Amino acid sequence: MKEYHSNGVYFGYPENWVIEESEMNTAAGSVQLTNEDGAFWLLKKYPFGTNPDEIAKEVLTLMQEEYEDMEVDRFDRIFFDKMVTGFEMTFFYLDLMNFATVLCFEQDGLTFAVFWQTGNQLIIRNNESVPIEKVLEAVTLSLLQGPHCKEQPLQHSCCEHKHESNKNP
């Protein structure tokens, strides 16, 4: 596992993933991770005062314009004392099931949006098949918990969630 640590942002990510950053030293920077199968994870910073819920809704609108018949689950969760809002989306593209998530939160006077998308792919880890979606969730949880906590992100117990499900919020 590699670690990204720059301008107050920390997260862990798989060693074989490619990382690209753009202007992370500004209030509008971004970092993107990609793997060889086309899955990606994107972190975007927004200036102070940007509404996290509005960003999540804008991303959802763009996705709904691109992909018809999308199933959407809205969520509001507390992770590591941060209120996180967003949407989980499931849709078909090129006859394959795809998963996407947008989640937004405020931290250190900035607003952050995380967006990831993947197909129904698996990776082999310790002789077990793991959905790439779980890897992307672990990267996100490492971002939310920060560098102070070295527990495995998917095994941490300080998360609560409220989950609402519907076809079109």
N, C-alpha and C. Protein backbone atom coordinates (compact mmCIF):
# COMPACT_ATOMS: atom_id res chain seq x y z
N MET A 1 0.84 -1.18 0.00
CA MET A 1 0.00 0.00 0.00
C MET A 1 0.88 1.24 0.00
N LYS A 2 0.61 2.15 -0.93
CA LYS A 2 1.31 3.43 -0.97
C LYS A 2 0.51 4.46 -0.20
N GLU A 3 1.16 5.58 0.12
CA GLU A 3 0.48 6.66 0.83
C GLU A 3 0.66 7.96 0.06
N TYR A 4 -0.42 8.72 -0.02
CA TYR A 4 -0.37 10.06 -0.59
C TYR A 4 -0.50 11.03 0.58
N HIS A 5 0.39 11.99 0.67
CA HIS A 5 0.35 12.99 1.74
C HIS A 5 0.85 14.31 1.17
N SER A 6 -0.08 15.24 0.93
CA SER A 6 0.30 16.52 0.35
C SER A 6 -0.75 17.57 0.71
N ASN A 7 -0.29 18.74 1.13
CA ASN A 7 -1.17 19.88 1.41
C ASN A 7 -2.33 19.52 2.34
N GLY A 8 -2.05 18.75 3.38
CA GLY A 8 -3.05 18.40 4.37
C GLY A 8 -3.98 17.27 3.98
N VAL A 9 -3.75 16.65 2.84
CA VAL A 9 -4.57 15.53 2.37
C VAL A 9 -3.76 14.25 2.48
N TYR A 10 -4.38 13.23 3.07
CA TYR A 10 -3.72 11.93 3.24
C TYR A 10 -4.68 10.83 2.84
N PHE A 11 -4.17 9.82 2.13
CA PHE A 11 -4.91 8.59 1.90
C PHE A 11 -3.94 7.51 1.47
N GLY A 12 -4.34 6.27 1.68
CA GLY A 12 -3.57 5.13 1.20
C GLY A 12 -4.20 4.60 -0.07
N TYR A 13 -3.38 3.99 -0.94
CA TYR A 13 -3.90 3.45 -2.19
C TYR A 13 -3.03 2.29 -2.65
N PRO A 14 -3.57 1.42 -3.51
CA PRO A 14 -2.81 0.25 -3.97
C PRO A 14 -1.56 0.66 -4.75
N GLU A 15 -0.50 -0.10 -4.55
CA GLU A 15 0.81 0.20 -5.16
C GLU A 15 0.78 0.19 -6.68
N ASN A 16 -0.06 -0.63 -7.28
CA ASN A 16 -0.05 -0.75 -8.74
C ASN A 16 -1.03 0.22 -9.42
N TRP A 17 -1.59 1.17 -8.69
CA TRP A 17 -2.48 2.17 -9.28
C TRP A 17 -1.67 3.41 -9.65
N VAL A 18 -2.11 4.09 -10.69
CA VAL A 18 -1.44 5.31 -11.16
C VAL A 18 -2.09 6.52 -10.49
N ILE A 19 -1.26 7.44 -10.02
CA ILE A 19 -1.77 8.64 -9.37
C ILE A 19 -1.37 9.87 -10.18
N GLU A 20 -2.32 10.79 -10.33
CA GLU A 20 -2.07 12.06 -11.01
C GLU A 20 -2.66 13.16 -10.15
N GLU A 21 -1.91 14.23 -9.95
CA GLU A 21 -2.45 15.34 -9.18
C GLU A 21 -2.38 16.62 -9.99
N SER A 22 -3.31 17.52 -9.68
CA SER A 22 -3.38 18.79 -10.39
C SER A 22 -3.67 19.90 -9.39
N GLU A 23 -2.73 20.78 -9.21
CA GLU A 23 -2.90 21.98 -8.40
C GLU A 23 -3.41 21.70 -6.98
N MET A 24 -2.91 20.65 -6.33
CA MET A 24 -3.35 20.34 -4.98
C MET A 24 -2.95 21.42 -3.98
N ASN A 25 -2.05 22.30 -4.34
CA ASN A 25 -1.66 23.39 -3.45
C ASN A 25 -2.63 24.57 -3.54
N THR A 26 -3.71 24.45 -4.33
CA THR A 26 -4.72 25.49 -4.44
C THR A 26 -6.03 24.98 -3.83
N ALA A 27 -7.00 25.87 -3.71
CA ALA A 27 -8.31 25.50 -3.16
C ALA A 27 -9.16 24.75 -4.18
N ALA A 28 -8.67 24.54 -5.39
CA ALA A 28 -9.45 23.84 -6.41
C ALA A 28 -8.65 22.69 -7.03
N GLY A 29 -7.78 22.07 -6.26
CA GLY A 29 -6.94 21.00 -6.78
C GLY A 29 -7.67 19.67 -6.86
N SER A 30 -6.99 18.68 -7.47
CA SER A 30 -7.56 17.35 -7.56
C SER A 30 -6.45 16.30 -7.60
N VAL A 31 -6.83 15.10 -7.21
CA VAL A 31 -5.95 13.92 -7.28
C VAL A 31 -6.79 12.80 -7.86
N GLN A 32 -6.23 12.06 -8.83
CA GLN A 32 -6.95 10.94 -9.42
C GLN A 32 -6.10 9.68 -9.38
N LEU A 33 -6.76 8.57 -9.05
CA LEU A 33 -6.16 7.25 -9.09
C LEU A 33 -6.83 6.45 -10.19
N THR A 34 -6.05 5.66 -10.93
CA THR A 34 -6.63 4.78 -11.94
C THR A 34 -5.92 3.43 -11.88
N ASN A 35 -6.65 2.41 -12.28
CA ASN A 35 -6.02 1.10 -12.40
C ASN A 35 -6.10 0.64 -13.85
N GLU A 36 -5.45 -0.45 -14.15
CA GLU A 36 -5.35 -0.93 -15.53
C GLU A 36 -6.68 -1.40 -16.10
N ASP A 37 -7.68 -1.65 -15.25
CA ASP A 37 -8.98 -2.13 -15.72
C ASP A 37 -9.98 -1.00 -15.95
N GLY A 38 -9.56 0.25 -15.75
CA GLY A 38 -10.43 1.39 -16.02
C GLY A 38 -11.16 1.96 -14.82
N ALA A 39 -10.99 1.35 -13.66
CA ALA A 39 -11.59 1.92 -12.46
C ALA A 39 -10.85 3.20 -12.10
N PHE A 40 -11.57 4.16 -11.53
CA PHE A 40 -10.88 5.38 -11.10
C PHE A 40 -11.51 5.94 -9.84
N TRP A 41 -10.70 6.72 -9.13
CA TRP A 41 -11.07 7.41 -7.89
C TRP A 41 -10.55 8.83 -8.01
N LEU A 42 -11.43 9.81 -7.78
CA LEU A 42 -11.06 11.21 -7.96
C LEU A 42 -11.41 12.00 -6.71
N LEU A 43 -10.45 12.77 -6.21
CA LEU A 43 -10.67 13.69 -5.10
C LEU A 43 -10.54 15.10 -5.64
N LYS A 44 -11.55 15.93 -5.38
CA LYS A 44 -11.52 17.32 -5.84
C LYS A 44 -11.76 18.23 -4.65
N LYS A 45 -10.94 19.28 -4.55
CA LYS A 45 -11.09 20.28 -3.50
C LYS A 45 -11.89 21.46 -4.04
N TYR A 46 -12.71 22.05 -3.15
CA TYR A 46 -13.48 23.25 -3.48
C TYR A 46 -13.22 24.29 -2.39
N PRO A 47 -13.37 25.57 -2.73
CA PRO A 47 -13.12 26.63 -1.75
C PRO A 47 -14.10 26.60 -0.57
N PHE A 48 -13.70 27.23 0.51
CA PHE A 48 -14.52 27.36 1.70
C PHE A 48 -15.90 27.91 1.32
N GLY A 49 -16.93 27.35 1.93
CA GLY A 49 -18.29 27.83 1.70
C GLY A 49 -19.04 27.09 0.62
N THR A 50 -18.35 26.23 -0.15
CA THR A 50 -19.03 25.44 -1.17
C THR A 50 -19.87 24.38 -0.48
N ASN A 51 -21.13 24.27 -0.85
CA ASN A 51 -22.08 23.36 -0.20
C ASN A 51 -21.85 21.92 -0.67
N PRO A 52 -21.48 21.01 0.24
CA PRO A 52 -21.23 19.61 -0.16
C PRO A 52 -22.44 18.94 -0.80
N ASP A 53 -23.63 19.22 -0.29
CA ASP A 53 -24.84 18.59 -0.83
C ASP A 53 -25.08 19.04 -2.27
N GLU A 54 -24.83 20.30 -2.56
CA GLU A 54 -25.02 20.81 -3.93
C GLU A 54 -24.05 20.15 -4.91
N ILE A 55 -22.81 19.95 -4.47
CA ILE A 55 -21.83 19.28 -5.34
C ILE A 55 -22.30 17.87 -5.65
N ALA A 56 -22.73 17.13 -4.63
CA ALA A 56 -23.20 15.75 -4.82
C ALA A 56 -24.38 15.71 -5.78
N LYS A 57 -25.32 16.64 -5.63
CA LYS A 57 -26.49 16.68 -6.53
C LYS A 57 -26.09 17.02 -7.96
N GLU A 58 -25.11 17.91 -8.15
CA GLU A 58 -24.64 18.24 -9.49
C GLU A 58 -24.03 17.02 -10.18
N VAL A 59 -23.23 16.26 -9.44
CA VAL A 59 -22.62 15.05 -10.01
C VAL A 59 -23.71 14.05 -10.37
N LEU A 60 -24.69 13.87 -9.47
CA LEU A 60 -25.79 12.95 -9.75
C LEU A 60 -26.53 13.36 -11.02
N THR A 61 -26.81 14.64 -11.17
CA THR A 61 -27.52 15.12 -12.36
C THR A 61 -26.74 14.80 -13.63
N LEU A 62 -25.43 15.05 -13.60
CA LEU A 62 -24.59 14.74 -14.76
C LEU A 62 -24.60 13.25 -15.09
N MET A 63 -24.53 12.43 -14.06
CA MET A 63 -24.55 10.97 -14.28
C MET A 63 -25.91 10.53 -14.84
N GLN A 64 -27.00 11.09 -14.34
CA GLN A 64 -28.32 10.72 -14.84
C GLN A 64 -28.53 11.16 -16.28
N GLU A 65 -27.91 12.26 -16.67
CA GLU A 65 -27.98 12.69 -18.07
C GLU A 65 -27.22 11.73 -18.98
N GLU A 66 -26.15 11.16 -18.46
CA GLU A 66 -25.30 10.27 -19.26
C GLU A 66 -25.83 8.83 -19.29
N TYR A 67 -26.34 8.34 -18.18
CA TYR A 67 -26.76 6.94 -18.06
C TYR A 67 -28.22 6.88 -17.64
N GLU A 68 -29.07 6.35 -18.53
CA GLU A 68 -30.48 6.20 -18.22
C GLU A 68 -30.69 4.97 -17.34
N ASP A 69 -31.84 4.91 -16.71
CA ASP A 69 -32.21 3.75 -15.88
C ASP A 69 -31.20 3.45 -14.78
N MET A 70 -30.73 4.48 -14.17
CA MET A 70 -29.75 4.35 -13.09
C MET A 70 -30.48 4.15 -11.76
N GLU A 71 -30.00 3.22 -10.95
CA GLU A 71 -30.50 3.09 -9.59
C GLU A 71 -29.65 3.96 -8.68
N VAL A 72 -30.30 4.69 -7.78
CA VAL A 72 -29.60 5.65 -6.94
C VAL A 72 -29.97 5.45 -5.48
N ASP A 73 -28.98 5.43 -4.62
CA ASP A 73 -29.17 5.41 -3.17
C ASP A 73 -28.50 6.65 -2.61
N ARG A 74 -29.28 7.49 -1.93
CA ARG A 74 -28.72 8.67 -1.27
C ARG A 74 -28.24 8.25 0.11
N PHE A 75 -27.18 8.87 0.58
CA PHE A 75 -26.74 8.59 1.94
C PHE A 75 -26.23 9.84 2.62
N ASP A 76 -26.39 9.85 3.92
CA ASP A 76 -25.80 10.84 4.82
C ASP A 76 -25.19 10.02 5.94
N ARG A 77 -23.88 10.11 6.10
CA ARG A 77 -23.19 9.27 7.08
C ARG A 77 -22.20 10.11 7.87
N ILE A 78 -21.89 9.62 9.05
CA ILE A 78 -20.84 10.23 9.85
C ILE A 78 -19.67 9.26 9.85
N PHE A 79 -18.54 9.72 9.33
CA PHE A 79 -17.31 8.94 9.33
C PHE A 79 -16.26 9.75 10.06
N PHE A 80 -15.72 9.20 11.12
CA PHE A 80 -14.61 9.84 11.83
C PHE A 80 -14.93 11.31 12.13
N ASP A 81 -16.12 11.54 12.67
CA ASP A 81 -16.60 12.87 13.06
C ASP A 81 -16.81 13.82 11.89
N LYS A 82 -16.91 13.32 10.68
CA LYS A 82 -17.20 14.15 9.51
C LYS A 82 -18.56 13.75 8.95
N MET A 83 -19.42 14.73 8.70
CA MET A 83 -20.69 14.46 8.03
C MET A 83 -20.41 14.34 6.54
N VAL A 84 -20.78 13.20 5.99
CA VAL A 84 -20.54 12.90 4.59
C VAL A 84 -21.89 12.70 3.91
N THR A 85 -22.09 13.36 2.78
CA THR A 85 -23.33 13.22 2.03
C THR A 85 -23.02 12.80 0.61
N GLY A 86 -23.91 12.06 -0.02
CA GLY A 86 -23.64 11.67 -1.40
C GLY A 86 -24.64 10.68 -1.95
N PHE A 87 -24.22 10.02 -3.02
CA PHE A 87 -25.07 9.07 -3.73
C PHE A 87 -24.25 7.87 -4.20
N GLU A 88 -24.87 6.69 -4.12
CA GLU A 88 -24.32 5.48 -4.73
C GLU A 88 -25.18 5.18 -5.95
N MET A 89 -24.54 4.90 -7.08
CA MET A 89 -25.25 4.71 -8.33
C MET A 89 -24.88 3.37 -8.96
N THR A 90 -25.86 2.70 -9.51
CA THR A 90 -25.65 1.45 -10.23
C THR A 90 -26.31 1.60 -11.59
N PHE A 91 -25.59 1.23 -12.65
CA PHE A 91 -26.13 1.38 -13.99
C PHE A 91 -25.42 0.41 -14.94
N PHE A 92 -26.02 0.20 -16.10
CA PHE A 92 -25.40 -0.64 -17.12
C PHE A 92 -24.78 0.23 -18.19
N TYR A 93 -23.57 -0.15 -18.60
CA TYR A 93 -22.87 0.51 -19.69
C TYR A 93 -22.16 -0.57 -20.49
N LEU A 94 -22.39 -0.60 -21.80
CA LEU A 94 -21.84 -1.64 -22.67
C LEU A 94 -22.19 -3.02 -22.15
N ASP A 95 -23.42 -3.18 -21.71
CA ASP A 95 -23.96 -4.45 -21.19
C ASP A 95 -23.26 -4.95 -19.93
N LEU A 96 -22.52 -4.07 -19.26
CA LEU A 96 -21.86 -4.44 -18.01
C LEU A 96 -22.40 -3.59 -16.87
N MET A 97 -22.54 -4.21 -15.70
CA MET A 97 -22.96 -3.46 -14.53
C MET A 97 -21.81 -2.59 -14.04
N ASN A 98 -22.11 -1.33 -13.74
CA ASN A 98 -21.13 -0.38 -13.23
C ASN A 98 -21.61 0.22 -11.93
N PHE A 99 -20.66 0.63 -11.12
CA PHE A 99 -20.94 1.25 -9.83
C PHE A 99 -20.22 2.59 -9.77
N ALA A 100 -20.89 3.58 -9.23
CA ALA A 100 -20.26 4.89 -9.05
C ALA A 100 -20.74 5.45 -7.72
N THR A 101 -19.90 6.22 -7.10
CA THR A 101 -20.23 6.87 -5.83
C THR A 101 -19.68 8.28 -5.85
N VAL A 102 -20.48 9.21 -5.34
CA VAL A 102 -19.99 10.55 -5.07
C VAL A 102 -20.28 10.82 -3.60
N LEU A 103 -19.28 11.31 -2.90
CA LEU A 103 -19.49 11.71 -1.51
C LEU A 103 -18.74 13.00 -1.26
N CYS A 104 -19.35 13.86 -0.45
CA CYS A 104 -18.80 15.20 -0.22
C CYS A 104 -18.79 15.50 1.27
N PHE A 105 -17.78 16.25 1.71
CA PHE A 105 -17.65 16.60 3.12
C PHE A 105 -16.79 17.84 3.26
N GLU A 106 -16.86 18.45 4.44
CA GLU A 106 -16.04 19.62 4.74
C GLU A 106 -14.95 19.23 5.72
N GLN A 107 -13.78 19.82 5.52
CA GLN A 107 -12.65 19.55 6.41
C GLN A 107 -11.64 20.69 6.26
N ASP A 108 -11.15 21.16 7.38
CA ASP A 108 -10.10 22.18 7.40
C ASP A 108 -10.42 23.40 6.54
N GLY A 109 -11.69 23.85 6.59
CA GLY A 109 -12.08 25.04 5.86
C GLY A 109 -12.26 24.86 4.37
N LEU A 110 -12.25 23.62 3.88
CA LEU A 110 -12.46 23.34 2.46
C LEU A 110 -13.59 22.32 2.32
N THR A 111 -14.13 22.23 1.13
CA THR A 111 -15.09 21.19 0.81
C THR A 111 -14.41 20.21 -0.13
N PHE A 112 -14.61 18.92 0.11
CA PHE A 112 -14.02 17.87 -0.71
C PHE A 112 -15.12 17.04 -1.34
N ALA A 113 -14.89 16.61 -2.57
CA ALA A 113 -15.77 15.67 -3.25
C ALA A 113 -14.92 14.48 -3.70
N VAL A 114 -15.41 13.30 -3.43
CA VAL A 114 -14.77 12.07 -3.90
C VAL A 114 -15.75 11.41 -4.87
N PHE A 115 -15.24 11.03 -6.03
CA PHE A 115 -16.05 10.34 -7.02
C PHE A 115 -15.27 9.12 -7.49
N TRP A 116 -15.94 7.98 -7.50
CA TRP A 116 -15.29 6.81 -8.07
C TRP A 116 -16.27 6.06 -8.94
N GLN A 117 -15.70 5.32 -9.91
CA GLN A 117 -16.51 4.52 -10.81
C GLN A 117 -15.73 3.27 -11.17
N THR A 118 -16.45 2.16 -11.23
CA THR A 118 -15.83 0.89 -11.59
C THR A 118 -16.88 -0.04 -12.18
N GLY A 119 -16.41 -1.00 -12.92
CA GLY A 119 -17.29 -2.06 -13.40
C GLY A 119 -17.38 -3.14 -12.34
N ASN A 120 -17.88 -4.26 -12.74
CA ASN A 120 -18.07 -5.39 -11.83
C ASN A 120 -16.82 -6.26 -11.81
N GLN A 121 -15.64 -5.65 -11.58
CA GLN A 121 -14.38 -6.37 -11.64
C GLN A 121 -13.92 -6.82 -10.25
N LEU A 122 -13.10 -7.84 -10.27
CA LEU A 122 -12.51 -8.35 -9.04
C LEU A 122 -11.00 -8.26 -9.14
N ILE A 123 -10.34 -8.13 -8.00
CA ILE A 123 -8.90 -8.25 -7.96
C ILE A 123 -8.57 -9.39 -7.02
N ILE A 124 -7.42 -9.97 -7.19
CA ILE A 124 -6.97 -11.06 -6.32
C ILE A 124 -6.06 -10.45 -5.26
N ARG A 125 -6.41 -10.68 -4.00
CA ARG A 125 -5.63 -10.16 -2.88
C ARG A 125 -5.53 -11.26 -1.83
N ASN A 126 -4.33 -11.66 -1.52
CA ASN A 126 -4.11 -12.75 -0.57
C ASN A 126 -4.92 -13.99 -0.94
N ASN A 127 -4.88 -14.35 -2.21
CA ASN A 127 -5.57 -15.52 -2.76
C ASN A 127 -7.09 -15.44 -2.63
N GLU A 128 -7.65 -14.23 -2.46
CA GLU A 128 -9.10 -14.04 -2.40
C GLU A 128 -9.51 -13.03 -3.45
N SER A 129 -10.71 -13.21 -3.99
CA SER A 129 -11.25 -12.24 -4.94
C SER A 129 -11.93 -11.12 -4.17
N VAL A 130 -11.57 -9.88 -4.50
CA VAL A 130 -12.12 -8.71 -3.83
C VAL A 130 -12.68 -7.77 -4.91
N PRO A 131 -13.94 -7.34 -4.77
CA PRO A 131 -14.46 -6.36 -5.74
C PRO A 131 -13.65 -5.07 -5.68
N ILE A 132 -13.36 -4.49 -6.84
CA ILE A 132 -12.61 -3.23 -6.88
C ILE A 132 -13.35 -2.15 -6.11
N GLU A 133 -14.67 -2.22 -6.09
CA GLU A 133 -15.47 -1.25 -5.33
C GLU A 133 -15.02 -1.21 -3.86
N LYS A 134 -14.68 -2.35 -3.29
CA LYS A 134 -14.23 -2.39 -1.88
C LYS A 134 -12.86 -1.72 -1.73
N VAL A 135 -12.03 -1.84 -2.73
CA VAL A 135 -10.73 -1.16 -2.71
C VAL A 135 -10.94 0.35 -2.73
N LEU A 136 -11.85 0.82 -3.59
CA LEU A 136 -12.14 2.24 -3.68
C LEU A 136 -12.74 2.77 -2.38
N GLU A 137 -13.58 1.97 -1.74
CA GLU A 137 -14.13 2.35 -0.43
C GLU A 137 -13.01 2.47 0.60
N ALA A 138 -12.07 1.55 0.58
CA ALA A 138 -10.96 1.59 1.54
C ALA A 138 -10.09 2.83 1.33
N VAL A 139 -9.84 3.20 0.08
CA VAL A 139 -9.08 4.43 -0.20
C VAL A 139 -9.82 5.63 0.39
N THR A 140 -11.13 5.68 0.18
CA THR A 140 -11.93 6.79 0.68
C THR A 140 -11.93 6.83 2.20
N LEU A 141 -12.08 5.69 2.83
CA LEU A 141 -12.06 5.67 4.30
C LEU A 141 -10.71 6.09 4.85
N SER A 142 -9.64 5.75 4.15
CA SER A 142 -8.32 6.20 4.61
C SER A 142 -8.20 7.71 4.51
N LEU A 143 -8.83 8.30 3.50
CA LEU A 143 -8.87 9.76 3.37
C LEU A 143 -9.65 10.36 4.54
N LEU A 144 -10.80 9.80 4.85
CA LEU A 144 -11.66 10.34 5.90
C LEU A 144 -11.04 10.20 7.29
N GLN A 145 -10.33 9.11 7.53
CA GLN A 145 -9.75 8.90 8.86
C GLN A 145 -8.44 9.64 9.05
N GLY A 146 -7.75 9.97 7.97
CA GLY A 146 -6.51 10.72 8.06
C GLY A 146 -5.34 9.85 8.51
N PRO A 147 -4.16 10.45 8.62
CA PRO A 147 -2.95 9.69 8.91
C PRO A 147 -2.83 9.26 10.37
N HIS A 148 -3.68 9.80 11.25
CA HIS A 148 -3.55 9.51 12.68
C HIS A 148 -4.01 8.11 13.05
N CYS A 149 -4.78 7.46 12.18
CA CYS A 149 -5.37 6.16 12.50
C CYS A 149 -4.81 5.12 11.55
N LYS A 150 -4.15 4.12 12.08
CA LYS A 150 -3.51 3.11 11.22
C LYS A 150 -4.30 1.80 11.15
N GLU A 151 -5.55 1.78 11.67
CA GLU A 151 -6.37 0.58 11.54
C GLU A 151 -6.74 0.39 10.08
N GLN A 152 -7.07 -0.85 9.71
CA GLN A 152 -7.53 -1.11 8.35
C GLN A 152 -8.85 -0.37 8.15
N PRO A 153 -8.98 0.45 7.12
CA PRO A 153 -10.18 1.27 6.93
C PRO A 153 -11.48 0.49 6.94
N LEU A 154 -11.53 -0.67 6.32
CA LEU A 154 -12.79 -1.41 6.26
C LEU A 154 -13.10 -2.14 7.55
N GLN A 155 -12.17 -2.13 8.52
CA GLN A 155 -12.39 -2.83 9.77
C GLN A 155 -12.55 -1.86 10.93
N HIS A 156 -12.64 -0.58 10.66
CA HIS A 156 -12.73 0.42 11.70
C HIS A 156 -14.15 0.51 12.24
N SER A 157 -14.31 0.81 13.51
CA SER A 157 -15.63 0.78 14.13
C SER A 157 -16.22 2.15 14.40
N CYS A 158 -15.57 3.25 14.01
CA CYS A 158 -16.11 4.56 14.38
C CYS A 158 -16.91 5.20 13.25
N CYS A 159 -17.76 4.41 12.60
CA CYS A 159 -18.60 4.93 11.54
C CYS A 159 -20.07 4.64 11.85
N GLU A 160 -20.91 5.62 11.56
CA GLU A 160 -22.35 5.46 11.66
C GLU A 160 -22.91 5.81 10.30
N HIS A 161 -24.09 5.30 9.96
CA HIS A 161 -24.67 5.74 8.70
C HIS A 161 -26.19 5.72 8.73
N LYS A 162 -26.74 6.59 7.89
CA LYS A 162 -28.17 6.65 7.62
C LYS A 162 -28.28 6.44 6.13
N HIS A 163 -29.07 5.47 5.68
CA HIS A 163 -29.09 5.10 4.28
C HIS A 163 -30.53 5.17 3.78
N GLU A 164 -30.75 5.87 2.68
CA GLU A 164 -32.06 5.94 2.05
C GLU A 164 -31.92 5.41 0.64
N SER A 165 -32.88 4.59 0.21
CA SER A 165 -32.80 4.02 -1.11
C SER A 165 -34.02 4.42 -1.92
N ASN A 166 -33.77 4.80 -3.18
CA ASN A 166 -34.85 5.06 -4.12
C ASN A 166 -34.29 5.08 -5.53
N LYS A 167 -35.19 5.05 -6.50
CA LYS A 167 -34.74 5.03 -7.90
C LYS A 167 -34.30 6.40 -8.37
N ASN A 168 -35.03 7.43 -8.06
CA ASN A 168 -34.70 8.79 -8.50
C ASN A 168 -34.95 9.76 -7.37
N PRO A 169 -33.90 10.25 -6.70
CA PRO A 169 -34.10 11.16 -5.57
C PRO A 169 -34.65 12.50 -6.01
